[in-house]
Amino acid sequence: MRSNESFASAIRLRGMKLTRQRQLILEVLESSRGHPDAEMVYAKAKERDPRIGFATVYRTLALLKQLGLAEEHNLGEGHGHFEAVDKTKPHFHFTCLKCGKVVEFVSPQILRTTQSLCEKKGLLVTDIHLHFSGYCRHCRPAGSECAEKP
């Protein structure tokens, strides 16, 4: 696991220890499908290590975010959801306002637009957070259009 190596070296550079529990939390996050919240990460970690505490999970998630190995997303529920960062596959999120379904998608157009903006304005974008919300095909009101027309 490449991020485990990154985690180990980043932890050591900070003079901290790479504990078994920290490794476990990263593994749980990387193996999760979807976007678990801290309680879900805690529940999965607790299955593998009954002695792990919620505070340890919460602090480790904060550390993973700080090190750039995890992202926290607000997906419309009033609390954060986490996912392991994969810099090779930038993606975006859509959350249905009715059922809460989260759809991940890749958009080369958004990446091209970002690159163009960077070139025109002399910017260096280090991170993109783009989140759409609305209604999925099952929850969308009958007769409504996909998006507003300009």
Protein backbone atom coordinates (compact mmCIF):
# COMPACT_ATOMS: atom_id res chain seq x y z
CA MET A 1 0.00 0.00 0.00
CA ARG A 2 1.56 3.21 -1.14
CA SER A 3 -0.40 5.48 1.22
CA ASN A 4 0.67 3.32 4.15
CA GLU A 5 4.29 4.11 3.22
CA SER A 6 3.43 7.82 2.92
CA PHE A 7 1.66 7.68 6.26
CA ALA A 8 4.60 5.95 7.92
CA SER A 9 7.16 8.47 6.67
CA ALA A 10 4.95 11.49 7.42
CA ILE A 11 4.32 10.23 10.96
CA ARG A 12 8.01 9.64 11.61
CA LEU A 13 8.94 13.09 10.24
CA ARG A 14 6.62 14.56 12.88
CA GLY A 15 8.35 12.54 15.60
CA MET A 16 5.27 10.40 16.13
CA LYS A 17 4.86 6.64 16.19
CA LEU A 18 3.06 4.65 13.52
CA THR A 19 0.89 2.63 15.84
CA ARG A 20 -1.05 -0.47 14.91
CA GLN A 21 -4.28 1.44 15.57
CA ARG A 22 -3.31 4.28 13.22
CA GLN A 23 -2.47 1.77 10.51
CA LEU A 24 -5.78 0.01 11.12
CA ILE A 25 -7.77 3.22 10.70
CA LEU A 26 -6.04 3.99 7.40
CA GLU A 27 -6.71 0.43 6.20
CA VAL A 28 -10.39 0.70 7.17
CA LEU A 29 -10.69 3.99 5.30
CA GLU A 30 -8.93 2.66 2.20
CA SER A 31 -11.06 -0.48 2.08
CA SER A 32 -14.35 1.35 2.64
CA ARG A 33 -16.83 1.57 -0.17
CA GLY A 34 -18.52 4.92 -0.18
CA HIS A 35 -17.85 7.70 2.27
CA PRO A 36 -18.01 6.54 5.88
CA ASP A 37 -18.42 9.00 8.72
CA ALA A 38 -16.23 8.81 11.82
CA GLU A 39 -18.70 6.52 13.59
CA MET A 40 -18.68 4.06 10.70
CA VAL A 41 -14.87 4.04 10.61
CA TYR A 42 -14.90 3.47 14.37
CA ALA A 43 -17.36 0.55 14.09
CA LYS A 44 -15.28 -1.15 11.37
CA ALA A 45 -12.03 -0.60 13.28
CA LYS A 46 -13.62 -1.90 16.48
CA GLU A 47 -14.51 -5.16 14.71
CA ARG A 48 -10.80 -5.74 14.17
CA ASP A 49 -9.55 -4.22 17.44
CA PRO A 50 -12.12 -4.15 20.24
CA ARG A 51 -9.82 -1.96 22.38
CA ILE A 52 -9.76 0.97 19.96
CA GLY A 53 -11.43 4.14 21.18
CA PHE A 54 -13.54 6.64 19.29
CA ALA A 55 -11.16 9.46 20.26
CA THR A 56 -8.28 7.57 18.63
CA VAL A 57 -10.29 7.18 15.43
CA TYR A 58 -11.31 10.84 15.42
CA ARG A 59 -7.75 12.09 16.06
CA THR A 60 -6.33 9.75 13.42
CA LEU A 61 -8.86 10.89 10.82
CA ALA A 62 -7.85 14.49 11.58
CA LEU A 63 -4.18 13.52 11.20
CA LEU A 64 -4.85 11.74 7.90
CA LYS A 65 -6.61 14.87 6.63
CA GLN A 66 -3.70 17.06 7.76
CA LEU A 67 -1.24 14.79 5.95
CA GLY A 68 -3.31 14.85 2.75
CA LEU A 69 -4.11 11.13 2.89
CA ALA A 70 -7.82 11.58 3.58
CA GLU A 71 -10.49 14.07 2.64
CA GLU A 72 -13.55 15.07 4.60
CA HIS A 73 -16.69 15.86 2.64
CA ASN A 74 -19.92 17.47 3.77
CA LEU A 75 -22.49 15.45 1.88
CA GLY A 76 -25.56 17.21 3.20
CA GLU A 77 -25.97 15.43 6.53
CA GLY A 78 -24.45 17.99 8.89
CA HIS A 79 -21.38 15.87 9.66
CA GLY A 80 -18.27 14.85 7.78
CA HIS A 81 -17.75 11.81 5.61
CA PHE A 82 -14.27 10.57 4.82
CA GLU A 83 -12.45 8.91 1.98
CA ALA A 84 -8.86 7.99 1.33
CA VAL A 85 -7.22 10.31 -1.17
CA ASP A 86 -6.30 8.91 -4.55
CA LYS A 87 -4.41 11.69 -6.34
CA THR A 88 -4.42 9.67 -9.57
CA LYS A 89 -8.23 9.69 -9.84
CA PRO A 90 -9.70 13.13 -9.10
CA HIS A 91 -13.46 12.87 -8.83
CA PHE A 92 -16.48 14.84 -7.74
CA HIS A 93 -19.67 14.19 -5.79
CA PHE A 94 -23.42 14.60 -6.21
CA THR A 95 -25.79 14.13 -3.25
CA CYS A 96 -29.53 13.61 -3.63
CA LEU A 97 -31.39 15.99 -1.35
CA LYS A 98 -34.24 13.52 -0.87
CA CYS A 99 -32.75 10.03 -0.49
CA GLY A 100 -29.16 11.00 0.37
CA LYS A 101 -27.62 8.87 -2.37
CA VAL A 102 -24.05 9.94 -3.19
CA VAL A 103 -22.86 9.61 -6.78
CA GLU A 104 -19.17 9.91 -7.59
CA PHE A 105 -18.15 10.96 -11.07
CA VAL A 106 -15.06 11.86 -13.06
CA SER A 107 -15.18 14.87 -15.34
CA PRO A 108 -12.36 15.56 -17.78
CA GLN A 109 -14.21 18.78 -18.71
CA ILE A 110 -13.91 20.15 -15.17
CA LEU A 111 -10.22 19.25 -15.08
CA ARG A 112 -9.64 20.93 -18.47
CA THR A 113 -11.49 24.05 -17.31
CA THR A 114 -9.37 24.15 -14.17
CA GLN A 115 -6.18 23.80 -16.19
CA SER A 116 -7.28 26.58 -18.52
CA LEU A 117 -8.09 28.85 -15.58
CA CYS A 118 -4.68 28.16 -14.08
CA GLU A 119 -2.93 29.04 -17.32
CA LYS A 120 -4.95 32.22 -17.93
CA LYS A 121 -4.75 33.57 -14.38
CA GLY A 122 -1.35 32.20 -13.36
CA LEU A 123 -2.84 30.10 -10.57
CA LEU A 124 -1.59 26.96 -8.92
CA VAL A 125 -4.56 24.86 -7.84
CA THR A 126 -3.57 22.33 -5.20
CA ASP A 127 -7.00 20.98 -4.38
CA ILE A 128 -10.50 21.00 -5.84
CA HIS A 129 -13.68 20.48 -3.85
CA LEU A 130 -16.72 20.45 -6.07
CA HIS A 131 -20.00 19.10 -4.79
CA PHE A 132 -23.32 19.06 -6.59
CA SER A 133 -26.64 18.55 -4.86
CA GLY A 134 -30.12 18.06 -6.25
CA TYR A 135 -32.35 15.09 -6.96
CA CYS A 136 -31.37 11.73 -8.40
CA ARG A 137 -33.39 10.21 -11.26
CA HIS A 138 -35.64 8.36 -8.79
CA CYS A 139 -36.38 11.36 -6.56
CA ARG A 140 -36.54 14.11 -9.18
CA PRO A 141 -39.96 15.75 -9.43
CA ALA A 142 -41.84 14.65 -12.55
CA GLY A 143 -41.42 16.99 -15.48
CA SER A 144 -38.39 18.80 -14.03
CA GLU A 145 -35.32 19.51 -16.16
CA CYS A 146 -31.86 18.12 -15.38
CA ALA A 147 -30.30 21.55 -14.82
CA GLU A 148 -31.19 25.18 -15.15
CA LYS A 149 -30.57 26.57 -18.59
CA PRO A 150 -28.39 29.69 -18.74
